[in-house]
Protein backbone atom coordinates (compact mmCIF):
# COMPACT_ATOMS: atom_id res chain seq x y z
CA MET A 1 -77.15 -41.99 8.06
CA ALA A 2 -73.86 -43.31 9.13
CA ASP A 3 -73.47 -44.80 5.68
CA GLN A 4 -74.12 -41.46 4.05
CA GLU A 5 -71.51 -39.71 6.18
CA GLU A 6 -68.91 -42.33 5.33
CA GLU A 7 -69.69 -41.93 1.65
CA LEU A 8 -69.30 -38.14 1.86
CA GLU A 9 -65.96 -38.49 3.63
CA ASN A 10 -64.71 -40.96 1.02
CA GLU A 11 -65.86 -38.81 -1.89
CA ALA A 12 -64.45 -35.50 -0.62
CA PRO A 13 -60.75 -35.15 -1.43
CA LYS A 14 -58.56 -34.65 1.61
CA LYS A 15 -56.55 -31.44 1.70
CA ALA A 16 -52.90 -32.13 2.16
CA SER A 17 -51.13 -29.82 4.57
CA LYS A 18 -48.47 -27.54 3.03
CA LEU A 19 -46.83 -26.90 6.38
CA PRO A 20 -44.09 -29.58 5.98
CA LEU A 21 -43.18 -28.22 2.54
CA ILE A 22 -42.87 -24.65 3.83
CA LEU A 23 -40.88 -25.74 6.89
CA GLY A 24 -38.53 -27.78 4.68
CA LEU A 25 -37.93 -24.77 2.42
CA VAL A 26 -37.23 -22.45 5.35
CA VAL A 27 -34.81 -24.93 6.95
CA ALA A 28 -33.00 -25.40 3.62
CA LEU A 29 -32.60 -21.62 3.11
CA VAL A 30 -31.39 -21.02 6.68
CA GLY A 31 -28.98 -23.96 6.46
CA GLY A 32 -27.60 -22.83 3.09
CA GLY A 33 -27.15 -19.25 4.25
CA GLY A 34 -25.47 -20.32 7.47
CA SER A 35 -23.14 -22.68 5.61
CA PHE A 36 -22.19 -19.95 3.13
CA PHE A 37 -21.43 -17.52 5.95
CA ALA A 38 -19.36 -20.07 7.89
CA ILE A 39 -17.22 -20.94 4.87
CA TYR A 40 -16.93 -17.36 3.60
CA SER A 41 -15.86 -15.97 6.99
CA GLY A 42 -13.32 -18.75 7.51
CA MET A 43 -15.07 -20.49 10.38
CA LEU A 44 -14.95 -23.68 8.33
CA PHE A 45 -12.18 -24.73 5.96
CA GLY A 46 -10.05 -21.62 6.37
CA SER A 47 -9.02 -21.01 9.93
CA GLU A 48 -5.62 -22.66 9.42
CA GLN A 49 -4.92 -20.68 6.27
CA ALA A 50 -6.04 -17.43 7.90
CA SER A 51 -3.85 -18.06 10.93
CA GLU A 52 -0.86 -18.81 8.66
CA GLU A 53 -1.45 -15.58 6.71
CA GLN A 54 -1.75 -13.65 9.98
CA ALA A 55 1.52 -15.15 11.23
CA GLU A 56 3.29 -14.21 7.97
CA SER A 57 1.88 -10.69 8.18
CA ASP A 58 3.01 -10.32 11.79
CA ALA A 59 6.50 -11.55 10.89
CA ALA A 60 6.73 -9.06 8.02
CA LYS A 61 5.62 -6.22 10.31
CA ASP A 62 8.20 -7.21 12.93
CA GLU A 63 10.93 -7.34 10.27
CA MET A 64 9.92 -3.91 8.94
CA ALA A 65 9.87 -2.43 12.45
CA GLU A 66 13.33 -3.84 13.09
CA LYS A 67 14.65 -2.32 9.85
CA MET A 68 13.04 1.04 10.64
CA ALA A 69 14.71 1.08 14.05
CA GLN A 70 18.09 0.83 12.30
CA VAL A 71 17.42 3.76 9.94
CA ALA A 72 17.95 7.50 10.42
CA TYR A 73 17.09 10.45 8.19
CA VAL A 74 19.50 13.24 7.33
CA GLU A 75 17.75 16.40 6.19
CA ILE A 76 19.27 18.20 3.19
CA GLU A 77 19.01 21.98 3.23
CA PRO A 78 16.32 23.33 0.88
CA MET A 79 17.66 24.47 -2.50
CA THR A 80 16.37 26.93 -5.05
CA ILE A 81 17.74 26.30 -8.53
CA SER A 82 17.29 28.60 -11.51
CA LEU A 83 16.13 26.77 -14.63
CA GLY A 84 16.78 27.62 -18.26
CA ARG A 85 17.74 31.06 -19.50
CA ALA A 86 17.73 34.03 -17.16
CA ALA A 87 15.01 35.65 -19.32
CA ASP A 88 12.59 32.81 -18.47
CA ASN A 89 12.99 33.44 -14.72
CA ARG A 90 11.90 29.90 -13.77
CA HIS A 91 12.97 28.33 -10.49
CA LEU A 92 12.84 24.93 -8.86
CA ARG A 93 12.43 24.64 -5.10
CA PHE A 94 13.83 21.32 -3.92
CA ARG A 95 14.02 19.75 -0.46
CA ALA A 96 14.95 16.16 0.38
CA SER A 97 16.07 13.78 3.10
CA LEU A 98 18.51 10.90 2.93
CA GLU A 99 17.65 7.55 4.49
CA VAL A 100 20.85 6.24 6.06
CA PRO A 101 21.81 3.46 8.47
CA VAL A 102 22.07 4.75 12.05
CA THR A 103 25.78 3.93 12.07
CA SER A 104 26.39 6.15 8.99
CA THR A 105 24.59 9.28 10.18
CA LYS A 106 27.75 11.16 11.21
CA VAL A 107 29.56 10.24 8.00
CA VAL A 108 26.74 11.54 5.79
CA GLU A 109 26.31 14.72 7.85
CA ALA A 110 30.05 15.41 7.52
CA ILE A 111 29.93 15.25 3.71
CA GLN A 112 26.62 17.08 3.33
CA PRO A 113 28.18 20.07 1.49
CA ARG A 114 29.48 17.66 -1.17
CA VAL A 115 26.04 16.04 -1.43
CA ILE A 116 24.38 19.44 -1.88
CA ASP A 117 26.94 20.35 -4.55
CA VAL A 118 26.25 17.14 -6.51
CA LEU A 119 22.48 17.62 -6.34
CA ASN A 120 22.69 21.31 -7.23
CA SER A 121 24.97 20.62 -10.21
CA TYR A 122 22.74 17.84 -11.50
CA LEU A 123 19.48 19.77 -11.14
CA ARG A 124 20.99 22.84 -12.79
CA ALA A 125 21.96 20.73 -15.83
CA VAL A 126 18.50 19.18 -16.26
CA GLU A 127 16.49 20.52 -19.18
CA LEU A 128 13.23 22.31 -18.43
CA SER A 129 11.36 20.00 -20.84
CA ASP A 130 12.58 16.98 -18.79
CA LEU A 131 11.04 18.43 -15.64
CA GLU A 132 7.64 18.95 -17.25
CA ASP A 133 7.21 15.23 -17.99
CA PRO A 134 4.83 13.59 -15.42
CA SER A 135 7.24 10.69 -14.85
CA ALA A 136 10.24 12.99 -14.46
CA LEU A 137 10.35 12.88 -10.67
CA VAL A 138 10.88 9.11 -10.58
CA ARG A 139 13.71 9.33 -13.10
CA LEU A 140 15.30 12.36 -11.41
CA ARG A 141 15.07 10.73 -8.00
CA SER A 142 16.90 7.62 -9.17
CA GLN A 143 19.59 9.72 -10.87
CA MET A 144 20.09 11.87 -7.77
CA LEU A 145 20.22 8.82 -5.49
CA ARG A 146 22.90 7.24 -7.66
CA ARG A 147 25.00 10.43 -7.57
CA VAL A 148 24.64 10.74 -3.80
CA GLN A 149 25.62 7.09 -3.36
CA VAL A 150 28.75 7.68 -5.47
CA VAL A 151 29.74 10.61 -3.24
CA ALA A 152 28.77 9.13 0.14
CA GLY A 153 29.21 5.44 -0.58
CA SER A 154 26.36 3.09 -1.43
CA GLU A 155 26.57 1.43 2.00
CA ASN A 156 26.03 4.83 3.69
CA VAL A 157 22.86 5.93 1.82
CA ASN A 158 19.81 3.68 1.37
CA ASP A 159 17.38 6.08 -0.28
CA LEU A 160 16.64 9.67 -1.26
CA LEU A 161 13.24 10.96 -0.16
CA VAL A 162 11.95 13.98 -2.07
CA MET A 163 10.08 16.24 0.36
CA GLU A 164 9.45 19.22 -1.91
CA PHE A 165 9.71 19.61 -5.68
CA VAL A 166 8.04 22.81 -6.85
CA MET A 167 8.60 24.68 -10.13
CA ASN A 168 7.45 28.25 -10.66
């Protein structure tokens, strides 16, 4: 009887356990996912680069804040300019501010009537078809800035900011 049992055990194939294979697969997936996350988030192989980029960004923000502290804005009175022939009855409503260094604020405010005259003369001479072009505002802004810088001095005016530009 003992011989028969030994023969049955030898003849019956042993079932191999699949548990090690499944555990190996799970460990590989978890390890791969964790490695991807660590590299992608910068925990590995990127913390130095991220800290350098952060330092550069902070320096740029500090520089911009310092520049903004040295800038003032001079408001130009709103203007209404008639466009084209009187029969067309079209008008342009224009309002802007000048970005100036803090030290030049008084100078620019003192010559503001001359600045308004230059802007009014230029806008009155612009053709109606030029104003209807979608890229017209960029071109007009650069032309007006140049004229204002000629009148006030390029060191006294940094930029012209268009606040309102409405045609009716």
